[in-house]
């Protein structure tokens, strides 16, 4: 069986959506004739921990680890925090940033290029080069962010005759918050030069959305494929179709920063609560994960705080029951220039839950196209309110009729199993 070395910063027991993509590919690769080998830090600094994901690693998969030194530990000591926020979440937040945070952000933007995991690149290239001499593989895959992982691939490519695929879960210099980084012109030049070098030297590029693929094509990339995120095989037993909850639960899963704040939705819900006594009594806005203070302020200003249930991060195996027991699922897409190409992991898990999806985002984007293709819900523009109000009223009517289950079409193509088949076919093509 041919082997593929997968270089990823995020791996169980780390939690969060960054882990799931390559954990799930690893779970099914053997069924399509490829043996995965994992390289990951022995002491990463993740946003969340989810030890339950360790159980999904296939038995016998070789995992190579090495220690990584990161500046985050020193940063947390300086500001007295137990954890660090994802850079994009922190930048798109209304939280006040103290002088230490501002200085550390400037240092991070200008000295840790492309990111603070840069120091792991050289020792990783040395370690893996020695490994490959006695344990050859047929291909390597790097997945970013952090995009330092791609620099490891670049280093190995220059030393070994092997095929290299670079997987982009998020853009590099085209990501939402890149323009907000306090970079000098020189730092910006280095970032873009590194990105260009990776795109040119990799044998193939993978992205997670057609929009992101189009962005790279405009940069001159031709050897590129879109393999989206997806959902895992549904558990035995059909989802609850009766929706017998006492409350109408509008559920949002995952972080909700300022850039995803659905202000028009809060306005609509506020109107409905004032106009319909029953809606006021049964509406529950359930938010699972980090919620920015600006979002909570919007909810409070619209008189909806009493309708909110805010729960902390949940282990992945616990989230499916939350999705299937909800009345409707709220998807908020960043109100940023590259919003058309955003397809989050959460979106596909929403599809598998077969509950109506209420999305706020670009009506001409990739998420909108899939909602239309599958009939799994509706998307409304950031400033839409009239049609949005009618749709929400319709959801409450379906709830009253115990008829909120969605017979979504064509979602099987987004199962992790079928997506792994696409990955294996790409590996076969690249290494032929």
Protein backbone atom coordinates (compact mmCIF):
# COMPACT_ATOMS: atom_id res chain seq x y z
CA UNK A 1 0.00 0.00 0.00
CA UNK A 2 1.47 3.42 -0.94
CA UNK A 3 2.14 5.79 1.93
CA UNK A 4 1.36 9.47 2.38
CA UNK A 5 3.01 11.59 5.06
CA UNK A 6 0.52 14.12 6.44
CA UNK A 7 2.06 17.13 8.19
CA UNK A 8 -0.49 18.85 10.43
CA UNK A 9 -0.22 21.09 13.47
CA UNK A 10 -3.69 20.10 14.72
CA UNK A 11 -4.20 16.50 15.79
CA UNK A 12 -6.02 14.77 18.67
CA UNK A 13 -6.22 15.36 21.57
CA UNK A 14 -6.52 18.88 20.15
CA UNK A 15 -10.13 19.80 19.51
CA UNK A 16 -11.97 22.09 17.14
CA UNK A 17 -12.73 22.13 13.45
CA UNK A 18 -9.05 22.40 12.43
CA UNK A 19 -8.48 18.81 13.57
CA UNK A 20 -11.44 17.19 11.87
CA UNK A 21 -10.51 17.52 8.19
CA UNK A 22 -7.36 15.39 8.28
CA UNK A 23 -8.49 13.15 11.11
CA UNK A 24 -11.45 12.09 8.96
CA UNK A 25 -9.33 11.68 5.82
CA UNK A 26 -6.97 9.50 7.87
CA UNK A 27 -9.92 7.50 9.12
CA UNK A 28 -10.87 6.35 5.60
CA UNK A 29 -7.67 6.51 3.51
CA UNK A 30 -6.84 2.83 3.95
CA UNK A 31 -10.16 1.89 2.34
CA UNK A 32 -8.95 3.58 -0.84
CA UNK A 33 -5.48 2.03 -0.88
CA UNK A 34 -3.36 4.62 0.96
CA UNK A 35 -1.55 4.25 4.28
CA UNK A 36 -1.38 7.54 6.22
CA UNK A 37 1.60 8.55 8.37
CA UNK A 38 1.10 11.56 10.65
CA UNK A 39 3.65 14.17 11.69
CA UNK A 40 2.49 16.59 14.39
CA UNK A 41 3.89 18.49 17.41
CA UNK A 42 4.11 16.61 20.68
CA UNK A 43 3.16 19.74 22.66
CA UNK A 44 0.93 21.99 20.52
CA UNK A 45 -0.94 25.05 21.77
CA UNK A 46 -4.52 24.45 20.60
CA UNK A 47 -7.60 26.54 21.22
CA UNK A 48 -9.50 23.56 22.60
CA UNK A 49 -8.87 19.99 23.77
CA UNK A 50 -11.08 17.05 22.82
CA UNK A 51 -9.53 13.74 24.00
CA UNK A 52 -12.54 11.83 22.62
CA UNK A 53 -11.19 12.38 19.09
CA UNK A 54 -8.21 10.12 19.86
CA UNK A 55 -10.60 7.17 19.55
CA UNK A 56 -11.17 8.02 15.87
CA UNK A 57 -7.53 7.56 14.90
CA UNK A 58 -7.37 4.20 13.05
CA UNK A 59 -5.45 1.48 14.93
CA UNK A 60 -1.82 1.17 13.95
CA UNK A 61 -1.48 4.53 12.18
CA UNK A 62 2.11 5.67 12.60
CA UNK A 63 2.39 9.03 14.31
CA UNK A 64 5.69 10.92 14.41
CA UNK A 65 6.00 13.75 16.92
CA UNK A 66 8.60 16.29 17.94
CA UNK A 67 8.47 19.16 20.45
CA UNK A 68 7.72 22.70 19.36
CA UNK A 69 8.67 25.93 21.10
CA UNK A 70 6.05 28.63 20.78
CA UNK A 71 5.88 32.24 21.98
CA UNK A 72 2.26 31.80 23.08
CA UNK A 73 3.27 30.35 26.43
CA UNK A 74 5.32 33.44 27.26
CA UNK A 75 2.53 35.67 25.98
CA UNK A 76 -0.04 33.99 28.22
CA UNK A 77 2.25 34.38 31.21
CA UNK A 78 2.64 38.10 30.49
CA UNK A 79 -1.08 38.83 30.21
CA UNK A 80 -2.24 36.27 32.78
CA UNK A 81 -4.41 34.20 30.43
CA UNK A 82 -4.92 30.46 30.47
CA UNK A 83 -5.37 30.23 26.70
CA UNK A 84 -4.79 32.25 23.54
CA UNK A 85 -7.48 33.26 21.08
CA UNK A 86 -7.27 32.37 17.41
CA UNK A 87 -5.67 35.38 15.71
CA UNK A 88 -8.64 36.05 13.45
CA UNK A 89 -11.14 35.78 16.30
CA UNK A 90 -9.04 38.12 18.43
CA UNK A 91 -8.69 40.73 15.67
CA UNK A 92 -12.40 40.64 14.79
CA UNK A 93 -13.39 41.19 18.39
CA UNK A 94 -14.62 44.22 20.28
CA UNK A 95 -12.47 43.35 23.27
CA UNK A 96 -10.11 46.11 24.32
CA UNK A 97 -6.50 45.23 23.58
CA UNK A 98 -3.98 46.40 26.14
CA UNK A 99 -0.52 47.68 25.34
CA UNK A 100 1.03 44.22 25.81
CA UNK A 101 -1.45 42.70 23.38
CA UNK A 102 -0.77 45.40 20.80
CA UNK A 103 3.00 45.02 21.12
CA UNK A 104 2.79 41.24 20.89
CA UNK A 105 0.57 41.52 17.80
CA UNK A 106 3.12 43.82 16.14
CA UNK A 107 5.95 41.42 16.99
CA UNK A 108 3.94 38.44 15.77
CA UNK A 109 3.12 40.22 12.49
CA UNK A 110 6.67 41.32 11.69
CA UNK A 111 9.01 38.76 13.21
CA UNK A 112 7.09 35.46 13.17
CA UNK A 113 6.56 35.00 9.45
CA UNK A 114 4.38 33.36 8.33
CA UNK A 115 3.24 32.58 11.88
CA UNK A 116 4.58 31.81 15.38
CA UNK A 117 5.14 28.13 14.46
CA UNK A 118 7.96 29.21 12.12
CA UNK A 119 10.60 27.96 14.54
CA UNK A 120 9.40 24.38 14.09
CA UNK A 121 10.19 24.34 10.36
CA UNK A 122 13.95 23.73 10.33
CA UNK A 123 14.05 20.99 13.03
CA UNK A 124 11.08 19.29 11.36
CA UNK A 125 12.77 19.26 7.96
CA UNK A 126 15.90 17.76 9.56
CA UNK A 127 13.96 15.11 11.48
CA UNK A 128 11.73 14.10 8.57
CA UNK A 129 14.62 14.03 6.10
CA UNK A 130 16.35 11.47 8.31
CA UNK A 131 13.10 9.54 8.65
CA UNK A 132 12.47 9.44 4.89
CA UNK A 133 15.86 7.88 4.17
CA UNK A 134 14.80 4.68 5.92
CA UNK A 135 11.02 5.02 5.62
CA UNK A 136 10.19 6.25 2.11
CA UNK A 137 6.73 7.57 1.32
CA UNK A 138 5.00 8.15 -2.00
CA UNK A 139 3.69 11.64 -1.25
CA UNK A 140 3.53 14.27 1.45
CA UNK A 141 0.63 16.55 2.32
CA UNK A 142 0.91 19.74 4.34
CA UNK A 143 -2.18 21.44 5.69
CA UNK A 144 -2.45 25.03 6.85
CA UNK A 145 -3.00 27.21 8.66
CA UNK A 146 -0.63 27.50 10.32
CA UNK A 147 1.09 28.00 6.97
CA UNK A 148 4.47 27.15 8.49
CA UNK A 149 3.43 23.56 7.76
CA UNK A 150 3.77 24.36 4.06
CA UNK A 151 7.32 25.57 4.64
CA UNK A 152 8.14 22.11 6.02
CA UNK A 153 6.80 20.66 2.77
CA UNK A 154 8.87 23.16 0.82
CA UNK A 155 12.01 22.14 2.70
CA UNK A 156 11.38 18.43 2.14
CA UNK A 157 10.59 18.98 -1.53
CA UNK A 158 13.99 20.61 -2.04
CA UNK A 159 15.80 17.62 -0.45
CA UNK A 160 13.81 14.63 -1.71
CA UNK A 161 12.33 13.40 -4.96
CA UNK A 162 8.73 13.15 -3.84
CA UNK A 163 5.30 14.55 -4.64
CA UNK A 164 3.98 17.33 -2.43
CA UNK A 165 0.36 18.46 -2.04
CA UNK A 166 -0.39 21.67 -0.09
CA UNK A 167 -3.86 21.80 1.47
CA UNK A 168 -5.31 25.23 2.32
CA UNK A 169 -8.12 25.12 4.88
CA UNK A 170 -8.03 28.93 4.91
CA UNK A 171 -6.42 31.48 2.59
CA UNK A 172 -2.94 32.82 3.35
CA UNK A 173 -2.59 36.52 2.48
CA UNK A 174 -6.23 36.71 1.35
CA UNK A 175 -7.66 35.75 4.74
CA UNK A 176 -10.20 38.11 6.33
CA UNK A 177 -7.95 39.67 8.94
CA UNK A 178 -4.70 39.93 6.96
CA UNK A 179 -5.25 43.63 6.21
CA UNK A 180 -5.70 44.30 9.94
CA UNK A 181 -2.27 42.98 10.88
CA UNK A 182 0.16 45.82 11.77
CA UNK A 183 2.77 44.69 9.24
CA UNK A 184 5.57 46.68 7.70
CA UNK A 185 5.89 46.65 3.91
CA UNK A 186 8.87 44.36 4.24
CA UNK A 187 6.91 41.81 6.32
CA UNK A 188 4.03 41.94 3.84
CA UNK A 189 6.51 41.35 0.99
CA UNK A 190 7.99 38.30 2.75
CA UNK A 191 4.54 36.83 3.44
CA UNK A 192 3.51 37.14 -0.19
CA UNK A 193 6.83 35.83 -1.45
CA UNK A 194 6.58 32.72 0.76
CA UNK A 195 3.01 32.14 -0.36
CA UNK A 196 3.98 32.47 -4.01
CA UNK A 197 6.90 30.07 -3.58
CA UNK A 198 4.69 27.42 -1.94
CA UNK A 199 2.07 27.75 -4.69
CA UNK A 200 4.72 27.37 -7.41
CA UNK A 201 6.75 24.53 -5.87
CA UNK A 202 3.94 22.28 -4.67
CA UNK A 203 2.95 19.59 -7.15
CA UNK A 204 -0.70 20.22 -6.40
CA UNK A 205 -2.88 22.58 -4.33
CA UNK A 206 -6.10 21.64 -2.52
CA UNK A 207 -8.63 24.17 -1.25
CA UNK A 208 -11.89 23.75 0.66
CA UNK A 209 -14.15 25.88 -1.55
CA UNK A 210 -14.64 26.87 -5.19
CA UNK A 211 -14.26 30.52 -4.21
CA UNK A 212 -10.85 29.93 -2.66
CA UNK A 213 -9.83 27.91 -5.70
CA UNK A 214 -10.80 30.81 -7.96
CA UNK A 215 -8.70 33.20 -5.85
CA UNK A 216 -5.63 30.99 -6.31
CA UNK A 217 -6.32 30.59 -10.03
CA UNK A 218 -6.25 34.38 -10.39
CA UNK A 219 -2.80 34.22 -8.77
CA UNK A 220 -1.64 31.91 -11.56
CA UNK A 221 -2.15 28.49 -9.95
CA UNK A 222 -3.28 25.79 -12.40
CA UNK A 223 -2.61 22.53 -10.57
CA UNK A 224 -5.47 22.93 -8.10
CA UNK A 225 -8.45 20.93 -6.84
CA UNK A 226 -11.37 21.72 -4.54
CA UNK A 227 -12.13 19.11 -1.89
CA UNK A 228 -14.56 20.62 0.58
CA UNK A 229 -14.98 19.82 4.23
CA UNK A 230 -17.78 17.40 4.99
CA UNK A 231 -19.74 15.37 7.49
CA UNK A 232 -18.97 11.92 8.81
CA UNK A 233 -21.20 8.90 8.25
CA UNK A 234 -24.42 9.51 10.14
CA UNK A 235 -24.85 7.51 13.36
CA UNK A 236 -27.29 4.60 13.43
CA UNK A 237 -30.85 5.74 13.99
CA UNK A 238 -32.65 8.52 12.20
CA UNK A 239 -32.73 12.01 13.67
CA UNK A 240 -35.75 12.97 15.76
CA UNK A 241 -38.31 14.25 13.24
CA UNK A 242 -41.00 15.17 15.74
CA UNK A 243 -39.01 18.05 17.25
CA UNK A 244 -40.81 17.63 20.55
CA UNK A 245 -38.80 20.31 22.41
CA UNK A 246 -40.84 22.65 24.55
CA UNK A 247 -38.88 25.53 23.02
CA UNK A 248 -38.13 26.53 19.45
CA UNK A 249 -34.32 26.18 19.52
CA UNK A 250 -32.34 28.26 17.04
CA UNK A 251 -28.83 26.84 17.45
CA UNK A 252 -25.47 28.28 16.45
CA UNK A 253 -22.42 26.04 16.82
CA UNK A 254 -18.89 27.44 17.03
CA UNK A 255 -17.28 30.84 17.50
CA UNK A 256 -19.32 33.94 16.78
CA UNK A 257 -16.98 36.94 16.34
CA UNK A 258 -17.98 40.50 15.48
CA UNK A 259 -17.63 39.85 11.72
CA UNK A 260 -20.40 37.22 11.90
CA UNK A 261 -22.82 39.19 14.05
CA UNK A 262 -26.27 38.78 12.36
CA UNK A 263 -27.70 42.15 13.40
CA UNK A 264 -30.67 41.99 11.01
CA UNK A 265 -31.66 38.62 12.43
CA UNK A 266 -31.68 40.03 15.96
CA UNK A 267 -33.89 42.86 14.68
CA UNK A 268 -36.33 40.39 13.10
CA UNK A 269 -36.46 38.17 16.17
CA UNK A 270 -36.98 41.22 18.38
CA UNK A 271 -39.98 42.24 16.26
CA UNK A 272 -41.46 38.73 16.37
CA UNK A 273 -41.05 38.49 20.12
CA UNK A 274 -42.92 41.78 20.51
CA UNK A 275 -45.66 40.86 18.01
CA UNK A 276 -46.29 37.25 19.03
CA UNK A 277 -46.61 36.27 22.68
CA UNK A 278 -46.15 32.58 21.90
CA UNK A 279 -42.89 33.20 20.05
CA UNK A 280 -41.63 35.23 23.00
CA UNK A 281 -42.36 32.30 25.32
CA UNK A 282 -40.81 29.50 23.23
CA UNK A 283 -37.84 31.13 21.42
CA UNK A 284 -34.45 29.84 22.61
CA UNK A 285 -31.30 31.15 20.94
CA UNK A 286 -28.72 28.50 21.82
CA UNK A 287 -25.09 29.56 21.26
CA UNK A 288 -22.38 26.90 21.71
CA UNK A 289 -18.80 28.17 21.79
CA UNK A 290 -17.03 31.55 21.97
CA UNK A 291 -19.28 34.57 21.48
CA UNK A 292 -17.82 38.03 21.07
CA UNK A 293 -18.96 40.78 23.41
CA UNK A 294 -20.30 42.78 20.44
CA UNK A 295 -22.70 39.94 19.58
CA UNK A 296 -23.96 39.73 23.15
CA UNK A 297 -24.40 43.51 23.19
CA UNK A 298 -26.50 43.33 20.01
CA UNK A 299 -28.66 40.63 21.53
CA UNK A 300 -29.10 42.66 24.70
CA UNK A 301 -29.93 45.84 22.77
CA UNK A 302 -32.68 44.00 20.92
CA UNK A 303 -34.23 42.69 24.12
CA UNK A 304 -33.38 39.05 23.42
CA UNK A 305 -30.95 38.28 26.24
CA UNK A 306 -33.63 36.41 28.20
CA UNK A 307 -34.04 34.09 25.19
CA UNK A 308 -30.33 33.18 25.02
CA UNK A 309 -28.71 30.00 26.35
CA UNK A 310 -24.92 30.26 26.01
CA UNK A 311 -22.98 26.99 26.38
CA UNK A 312 -19.17 26.52 26.33
CA UNK A 313 -17.17 24.57 23.76
CA UNK A 314 -18.43 21.01 23.45
CA UNK A 315 -16.56 17.82 22.54
CA UNK A 316 -17.25 16.90 18.93
CA UNK A 317 -19.07 13.65 19.72
CA UNK A 318 -21.60 15.63 21.77
CA UNK A 319 -22.51 18.13 19.07
CA UNK A 320 -24.49 15.91 16.68
CA UNK A 321 -27.27 15.32 19.19
CA UNK A 322 -27.39 19.09 19.76
CA UNK A 323 -27.79 19.69 16.02
CA UNK A 324 -30.49 17.07 15.46
CA UNK A 325 -32.54 18.16 18.46
CA UNK A 326 -32.53 21.83 17.44
CA UNK A 327 -35.47 23.36 15.60
CA UNK A 328 -33.31 25.28 13.14
CA UNK A 329 -29.58 25.84 12.65
CA UNK A 330 -28.04 29.29 12.36
CA UNK A 331 -25.10 29.72 9.97
CA UNK A 332 -23.35 33.11 10.05
CA UNK A 333 -20.76 33.82 7.36
CA UNK A 334 -18.13 36.51 7.92
CA UNK A 335 -19.17 39.87 6.50
CA UNK A 336 -15.79 40.31 4.82
CA UNK A 337 -14.49 40.67 1.24
CA UNK A 338 -13.78 36.94 0.72
CA UNK A 339 -17.09 35.75 2.18
CA UNK A 340 -18.20 34.14 -1.11
CA UNK A 341 -15.60 31.39 -0.69
CA UNK A 342 -16.24 30.54 2.98
CA UNK A 343 -17.41 26.95 3.55
CA UNK A 344 -16.90 25.98 7.17
CA UNK A 345 -16.74 22.47 8.56
CA UNK A 346 -19.82 23.26 10.63
CA UNK A 347 -21.88 23.92 7.48
CA UNK A 348 -21.60 20.32 6.31
CA UNK A 349 -22.40 18.92 9.74
CA UNK A 350 -25.51 21.10 9.65
CA UNK A 351 -26.43 19.38 6.37
CA UNK A 352 -26.17 15.92 7.92
CA UNK A 353 -28.42 16.93 10.85
CA UNK A 354 -31.30 17.51 8.39
CA UNK A 355 -32.66 20.52 10.18
CA UNK A 356 -33.58 23.78 8.37
CA UNK A 357 -30.51 25.97 7.92
CA UNK A 358 -31.00 29.70 8.35
CA UNK A 359 -27.91 31.34 6.87
CA UNK A 360 -26.79 34.97 6.90
CA UNK A 361 -24.18 35.76 4.27
CA UNK A 362 -23.54 36.47 0.57
CA UNK A 363 -26.41 35.30 -1.60
CA UNK A 364 -24.01 34.60 -4.48
CA UNK A 365 -21.44 32.59 -2.49
CA UNK A 366 -20.46 28.93 -2.27
CA UNK A 367 -22.66 28.24 0.77
CA UNK A 368 -25.66 29.68 -1.06
CA UNK A 369 -25.01 27.41 -4.06
CA UNK A 370 -24.94 24.29 -1.87
CA UNK A 371 -28.10 25.32 0.00
CA UNK A 372 -29.85 25.68 -3.35
CA UNK A 373 -28.45 22.37 -4.60
CA UNK A 374 -29.50 20.44 -1.51
CA UNK A 375 -32.66 22.30 -0.51
CA UNK A 376 -31.36 22.34 3.06
CA UNK A 377 -32.30 25.92 3.90
CA UNK A 378 -32.15 29.56 2.88
CA UNK A 379 -29.51 32.25 2.91
CA UNK A 380 -30.24 35.94 3.40
CA UNK A 381 -28.03 38.96 2.77
CA UNK A 382 -26.49 40.89 5.63
CA UNK A 383 -29.02 43.74 5.18
CA UNK A 384 -32.10 41.62 4.36
CA UNK A 385 -34.97 41.78 6.83
CA UNK A 386 -38.34 41.54 5.03
CA UNK A 387 -37.92 38.10 3.42
CA UNK A 388 -35.97 36.95 6.48
CA UNK A 389 -38.92 37.73 8.74
CA UNK A 390 -41.27 35.72 6.54
CA UNK A 391 -38.91 32.75 6.49
CA UNK A 392 -38.51 32.75 10.29
CA UNK A 393 -42.29 32.92 10.72
CA UNK A 394 -42.55 29.92 8.39
CA UNK A 395 -40.10 27.99 10.58
CA UNK A 396 -42.23 28.67 13.64
CA UNK A 397 -45.27 27.40 11.72
CA UNK A 398 -43.45 24.16 10.76
CA UNK A 399 -42.37 23.81 14.39
CA UNK A 400 -46.02 24.02 15.48
CA UNK A 401 -46.84 21.26 12.99
CA UNK A 402 -43.92 19.06 14.22
CA UNK A 403 -42.58 19.09 10.66
CA UNK A 404 -39.09 20.62 10.78
CA UNK A 405 -37.18 17.67 9.35
CA UNK A 406 -35.48 18.46 6.02
CA UNK A 407 -35.38 15.97 3.15
CA UNK A 408 -32.14 17.41 1.81
CA UNK A 409 -30.97 16.25 -1.63
CA UNK A 410 -27.53 15.21 -2.88
CA UNK A 411 -25.70 15.61 0.42
CA UNK A 412 -23.98 12.21 0.14
CA UNK A 413 -21.24 13.74 -2.02
CA UNK A 414 -20.17 15.70 1.07
CA UNK A 415 -19.71 12.67 3.31
CA UNK A 416 -16.18 12.25 4.65
CA UNK A 417 -16.04 8.79 3.07
CA UNK A 418 -16.78 10.05 -0.44
CA UNK A 419 -14.49 13.06 -0.01
CA UNK A 420 -11.66 10.70 0.98
CA UNK A 421 -12.28 8.82 -2.26
CA UNK A 422 -11.67 12.10 -4.11
CA UNK A 423 -8.46 12.63 -2.14
CA UNK A 424 -7.22 9.12 -2.93
CA UNK A 425 -7.97 9.61 -6.63
CA UNK A 426 -5.97 12.84 -6.54
CA UNK A 427 -3.06 11.08 -4.80
CA UNK A 428 -3.13 8.36 -7.46
CA UNK A 429 -3.07 11.00 -10.20
CA UNK A 430 -0.27 13.10 -8.66
CA UNK A 431 1.96 10.07 -8.00
CA UNK A 432 1.23 8.23 -11.28
